[in-house]
């Protein structure tokens, strides 16, 4: 059990991830779950075909499309709570900024398999990916709302490039599939109340099964060039900022946006 910010920071630097078990109370998770389930049910109705055929995640949970103002404020207060900020600031000391939220669930389609990836592969070619892992990275804070199988990560790949096996599987080369097992993978089971922190650009995959429903909070260093990825609607407006106990995480993003 990791208990100090020094341990958190050290593990992240060396491995690219860390887990804090039973970090959130039963009550905290129950309140968060109630809000997130409202979003999830409305999102499913609105994206019924996509949900049935291929979806495994959604995003912009803090946006205005599916949640009322009070529910959004509750989410903003959870995201910027002291517990979450203690974790964030142990890894990103320089003005951490809010990027987005995502919700991960099991695909309805049983043919879909979990797959290895780096988040940066969706924005960059191979040369760009190699550069991305040497620069400022995006932080995922995963909060499982139910007990689940968790994640599988390849330690240290937040700083190093794929070995041959990892590359062939992730890129589906030489007859390999991105869902194939990796000898370097490390499985991390997660229970409701746990917190997993990991680099978006390390090699990872979610593990489908059980009652998988996990909220991911994405945060970045203000020095990184990520503000263009932030959807304005997922940020609090001025009237909401007054109702957020510690709005720094969002203010840092708003300040970056106003400077562009």
Protein backbone atom coordinates (compact mmCIF):
# COMPACT_ATOMS: atom_id res chain seq x y z
CA UNK A 1 0.00 0.00 0.00
CA UNK A 2 1.53 3.29 -1.14
CA UNK A 3 0.93 5.94 1.47
CA UNK A 4 3.08 8.99 0.71
CA UNK A 5 3.40 11.47 -2.12
CA UNK A 6 7.11 10.67 -2.33
CA UNK A 7 6.33 6.99 -2.94
CA UNK A 8 3.66 7.91 -5.49
CA UNK A 9 5.99 10.18 -7.39
CA UNK A 10 8.86 7.68 -7.30
CA UNK A 11 6.72 4.80 -8.55
CA UNK A 12 5.31 6.92 -11.35
CA UNK A 13 8.75 8.09 -12.44
CA UNK A 14 10.20 4.59 -12.43
CA UNK A 15 7.26 2.42 -13.53
CA UNK A 16 4.80 4.82 -15.19
CA UNK A 17 1.98 3.94 -12.78
CA UNK A 18 0.97 3.31 -9.19
CA UNK A 19 -2.08 2.01 -7.31
CA UNK A 20 -3.53 3.26 -4.03
CA UNK A 21 -5.88 0.64 -2.57
CA UNK A 22 -9.13 1.67 -0.80
CA UNK A 23 -8.29 5.33 -1.37
CA UNK A 24 -11.93 6.46 -1.57
CA UNK A 25 -14.58 5.62 1.00
CA UNK A 26 -17.74 3.61 0.29
CA UNK A 27 -19.73 6.86 0.62
CA UNK A 28 -17.52 8.80 -1.79
CA UNK A 29 -17.80 6.06 -4.42
CA UNK A 30 -21.58 5.76 -3.92
CA UNK A 31 -22.07 9.49 -4.53
CA UNK A 32 -19.81 9.46 -7.57
CA UNK A 33 -21.45 6.33 -8.96
CA UNK A 34 -24.94 7.88 -8.71
CA UNK A 35 -23.92 10.87 -10.85
CA UNK A 36 -21.92 8.85 -13.37
CA UNK A 37 -24.76 6.33 -13.84
CA UNK A 38 -27.12 9.19 -14.74
CA UNK A 39 -24.71 10.21 -17.49
CA UNK A 40 -24.13 6.63 -18.63
CA UNK A 41 -27.82 5.76 -18.96
CA UNK A 42 -28.61 8.90 -20.97
CA UNK A 43 -25.51 8.47 -23.12
CA UNK A 44 -26.47 4.84 -23.88
CA UNK A 45 -29.95 5.91 -25.02
CA UNK A 46 -28.52 8.65 -27.22
CA UNK A 47 -25.86 6.38 -28.75
CA UNK A 48 -27.82 3.12 -28.83
CA UNK A 49 -26.45 1.70 -32.10
CA UNK A 50 -22.85 2.67 -31.37
CA UNK A 51 -23.18 1.24 -27.85
CA UNK A 52 -24.59 -2.06 -29.10
CA UNK A 53 -22.06 -2.53 -31.90
CA UNK A 54 -18.65 -1.26 -30.81
CA UNK A 55 -18.45 1.19 -27.90
CA UNK A 56 -16.26 0.56 -24.86
CA UNK A 57 -15.93 4.12 -23.58
CA UNK A 58 -17.47 7.58 -23.60
CA UNK A 59 -16.08 11.01 -22.76
CA UNK A 60 -16.97 14.56 -21.68
CA UNK A 61 -18.75 13.29 -18.56
CA UNK A 62 -18.54 16.78 -17.01
CA UNK A 63 -20.21 18.40 -20.04
CA UNK A 64 -23.67 19.92 -20.14
CA UNK A 65 -25.29 17.51 -22.60
CA UNK A 66 -26.45 14.86 -20.11
CA UNK A 67 -25.98 16.25 -16.60
CA UNK A 68 -27.69 19.10 -14.75
CA UNK A 69 -25.63 21.84 -13.15
CA UNK A 70 -25.74 20.35 -9.62
CA UNK A 71 -24.48 16.98 -10.85
CA UNK A 72 -21.71 18.64 -12.85
CA UNK A 73 -20.65 20.64 -9.79
CA UNK A 74 -20.58 17.42 -7.74
CA UNK A 75 -18.26 15.89 -10.35
CA UNK A 76 -16.04 18.97 -10.46
CA UNK A 77 -15.74 18.89 -6.67
CA UNK A 78 -14.77 15.21 -6.72
CA UNK A 79 -12.20 15.76 -9.47
CA UNK A 80 -10.61 18.68 -7.60
CA UNK A 81 -11.02 17.21 -4.10
CA UNK A 82 -8.04 17.18 -1.74
CA UNK A 83 -7.66 13.42 -2.18
CA UNK A 84 -7.41 13.72 -5.95
CA UNK A 85 -5.27 16.88 -5.89
CA UNK A 86 -2.81 15.27 -3.45
CA UNK A 87 -2.28 12.51 -6.01
CA UNK A 88 -2.11 14.84 -9.02
CA UNK A 89 0.35 17.24 -7.40
CA UNK A 90 2.60 14.40 -6.29
CA UNK A 91 3.23 13.72 -10.00
CA UNK A 92 2.64 17.11 -11.67
CA UNK A 93 4.01 19.88 -9.47
CA UNK A 94 3.82 22.58 -12.14
CA UNK A 95 0.25 23.89 -12.48
CA UNK A 96 -1.60 20.66 -13.33
CA UNK A 97 -4.52 21.29 -15.68
CA UNK A 98 -7.76 19.40 -16.30
CA UNK A 99 -8.15 17.84 -19.75
CA UNK A 100 -11.20 15.58 -19.82
CA UNK A 101 -13.05 12.66 -18.28
CA UNK A 102 -13.73 9.27 -19.84
CA UNK A 103 -15.94 6.38 -18.79
CA UNK A 104 -14.84 2.82 -19.55
CA UNK A 105 -17.28 -0.10 -19.66
CA UNK A 106 -17.61 -3.57 -21.17
CA UNK A 107 -18.50 -3.69 -24.87
CA UNK A 108 -21.87 -5.28 -25.60
CA UNK A 109 -20.39 -7.11 -28.59
CA UNK A 110 -18.78 -10.30 -27.20
CA UNK A 111 -16.46 -10.50 -30.23
CA UNK A 112 -14.65 -7.36 -29.14
CA UNK A 113 -11.40 -8.00 -27.33
CA UNK A 114 -9.32 -5.72 -25.13
CA UNK A 115 -6.34 -4.34 -27.02
CA UNK A 116 -2.86 -2.95 -26.34
CA UNK A 117 -2.18 0.68 -27.24
CA UNK A 118 -0.50 3.92 -26.33
CA UNK A 119 -2.89 6.90 -26.34
CA UNK A 120 -0.41 8.90 -28.43
CA UNK A 121 -0.70 6.44 -31.34
CA UNK A 122 -4.06 8.00 -32.25
CA UNK A 123 -2.46 11.41 -32.82
CA UNK A 124 1.05 10.60 -34.05
CA UNK A 125 2.96 8.47 -36.51
CA UNK A 126 5.74 6.25 -35.12
CA UNK A 127 8.30 9.06 -35.05
CA UNK A 128 5.80 11.28 -33.22
CA UNK A 129 5.04 8.52 -30.72
CA UNK A 130 8.73 8.08 -29.95
CA UNK A 131 8.94 11.82 -29.33
CA UNK A 132 5.77 11.91 -27.21
CA UNK A 133 7.10 9.45 -24.63
CA UNK A 134 10.16 11.65 -24.12
CA UNK A 135 8.07 14.74 -23.47
CA UNK A 136 5.34 15.85 -21.06
CA UNK A 137 2.72 13.12 -20.76
CA UNK A 138 -0.94 13.03 -19.87
CA UNK A 139 -1.91 11.46 -16.55
CA UNK A 140 -4.85 9.06 -16.21
CA UNK A 141 -6.46 8.70 -12.79
CA UNK A 142 -8.76 5.67 -12.97
CA UNK A 143 -11.52 5.37 -10.38
CA UNK A 144 -13.40 2.04 -10.64
CA UNK A 145 -17.03 2.37 -9.58
CA UNK A 146 -17.47 -1.39 -9.16
CA UNK A 147 -15.00 -4.23 -8.59
CA UNK A 148 -13.45 -5.13 -11.94
CA UNK A 149 -10.66 -7.09 -13.60
CA UNK A 150 -8.76 -3.82 -13.97
CA UNK A 151 -5.90 -2.94 -16.30
CA UNK A 152 -2.85 -4.55 -17.83
CA UNK A 153 0.19 -2.29 -18.16
CA UNK A 154 3.73 -2.66 -19.44
CA UNK A 155 5.93 -1.06 -16.76
CA UNK A 156 8.49 1.56 -17.80
CA UNK A 157 7.04 2.02 -21.32
CA UNK A 158 6.13 5.61 -20.41
CA UNK A 159 9.84 6.28 -21.03
CA UNK A 160 11.00 3.51 -23.36
CA UNK A 161 9.98 2.38 -26.83
CA UNK A 162 8.36 -0.98 -27.59
CA UNK A 163 10.49 -4.10 -27.77
CA UNK A 164 9.91 -6.32 -30.81
CA UNK A 165 7.14 -8.39 -29.24
CA UNK A 166 5.31 -5.30 -27.94
CA UNK A 167 5.59 -3.47 -31.26
CA UNK A 168 4.33 -6.36 -33.35
CA UNK A 169 1.31 -6.89 -31.09
CA UNK A 170 0.43 -3.22 -30.64
CA UNK A 171 0.84 -2.43 -34.35
CA UNK A 172 -0.58 -5.81 -35.48
CA UNK A 173 2.52 -6.72 -37.48
CA UNK A 174 3.84 -10.17 -38.48
CA UNK A 175 0.51 -11.91 -37.90
CA UNK A 176 0.03 -10.58 -34.38
CA UNK A 177 -3.19 -9.04 -33.03
CA UNK A 178 -3.41 -6.12 -30.60
CA UNK A 179 -5.43 -8.39 -28.30
CA UNK A 180 -2.63 -10.98 -28.01
CA UNK A 181 -1.02 -11.41 -24.61
CA UNK A 182 2.32 -9.76 -23.92
CA UNK A 183 5.00 -11.44 -21.81
CA UNK A 184 5.85 -8.01 -20.34
CA UNK A 185 2.27 -7.17 -19.29
CA UNK A 186 1.39 -6.70 -15.63
CA UNK A 187 -2.24 -7.23 -14.61
CA UNK A 188 -3.66 -4.98 -11.92
CA UNK A 189 -7.08 -5.93 -10.56
CA UNK A 190 -9.13 -3.02 -9.22
CA UNK A 191 -11.88 -2.77 -6.64
CA UNK A 192 -14.34 0.06 -6.06
CA UNK A 193 -12.50 2.64 -3.97
CA UNK A 194 -9.07 1.92 -5.45
CA UNK A 195 -7.21 4.50 -7.53
CA UNK A 196 -4.90 3.63 -10.42
CA UNK A 197 -2.66 6.37 -11.79
CA UNK A 198 -0.82 5.76 -15.07
CA UNK A 199 0.74 7.49 -18.04
CA UNK A 200 -1.54 7.74 -21.08
CA UNK A 201 1.40 7.02 -23.34
CA UNK A 202 2.61 3.80 -21.74
CA UNK A 203 1.53 0.52 -23.37
CA UNK A 204 -1.70 -0.54 -21.69
CA UNK A 205 -5.11 -2.15 -22.10
CA UNK A 206 -8.30 -2.32 -20.10
CA UNK A 207 -9.50 -5.79 -19.13
CA UNK A 208 -13.10 -6.52 -20.07
CA UNK A 209 -15.34 -8.45 -17.68
CA UNK A 210 -17.21 -8.26 -14.36
CA UNK A 211 -19.15 -5.03 -13.78
CA UNK A 212 -16.59 -2.78 -15.44
CA UNK A 213 -17.44 0.90 -15.09
CA UNK A 214 -14.47 3.15 -14.42
CA UNK A 215 -14.18 6.92 -14.45
CA UNK A 216 -10.90 8.25 -15.81
CA UNK A 217 -9.76 11.78 -15.00
CA UNK A 218 -7.19 13.11 -17.47
CA UNK A 219 -4.74 15.76 -16.29
CA UNK A 220 -1.72 17.41 -17.92
CA UNK A 221 1.19 19.66 -17.04
CA UNK A 222 0.53 23.27 -18.08
CA UNK A 223 3.92 23.22 -19.81
CA UNK A 224 2.63 20.54 -22.21
CA UNK A 225 0.94 21.47 -25.48
CA UNK A 226 -2.42 19.85 -24.77
CA UNK A 227 -4.91 22.67 -24.23
CA UNK A 228 -6.34 22.31 -27.77
CA UNK A 229 -7.61 18.86 -26.74
CA UNK A 230 -9.89 20.37 -24.07
CA UNK A 231 -13.57 20.78 -24.96
CA UNK A 232 -14.88 24.08 -23.58
CA UNK A 233 -18.18 22.49 -22.57
CA UNK A 234 -16.53 20.07 -20.13
CA UNK A 235 -15.14 22.98 -18.06
CA UNK A 236 -17.06 24.80 -15.31
CA UNK A 237 -18.54 28.20 -16.14
CA UNK A 238 -18.08 31.25 -13.91
CA UNK A 239 -21.20 30.55 -11.84
CA UNK A 240 -19.93 27.02 -11.10
CA UNK A 241 -16.41 28.06 -10.13
CA UNK A 242 -17.81 29.75 -7.01
CA UNK A 243 -19.29 26.40 -5.94
CA UNK A 244 -16.10 24.39 -6.38
CA UNK A 245 -14.08 24.15 -3.17
CA UNK A 246 -10.70 24.17 -4.95
CA UNK A 247 -11.04 25.20 -8.62
CA UNK A 248 -7.29 25.46 -9.38
CA UNK A 249 -7.21 22.43 -11.69
CA UNK A 250 -9.89 24.01 -13.89
CA UNK A 251 -8.58 27.56 -13.57
CA UNK A 252 -5.22 26.42 -14.92
CA UNK A 253 -6.97 25.06 -18.03
CA UNK A 254 -9.13 28.18 -18.42
CA UNK A 255 -6.04 30.38 -18.12
CA UNK A 256 -4.26 28.37 -20.80
CA UNK A 257 -7.28 28.66 -23.09
CA UNK A 258 -7.55 32.42 -22.60
CA UNK A 259 -3.86 32.76 -23.52
CA UNK A 260 -4.24 31.03 -26.90
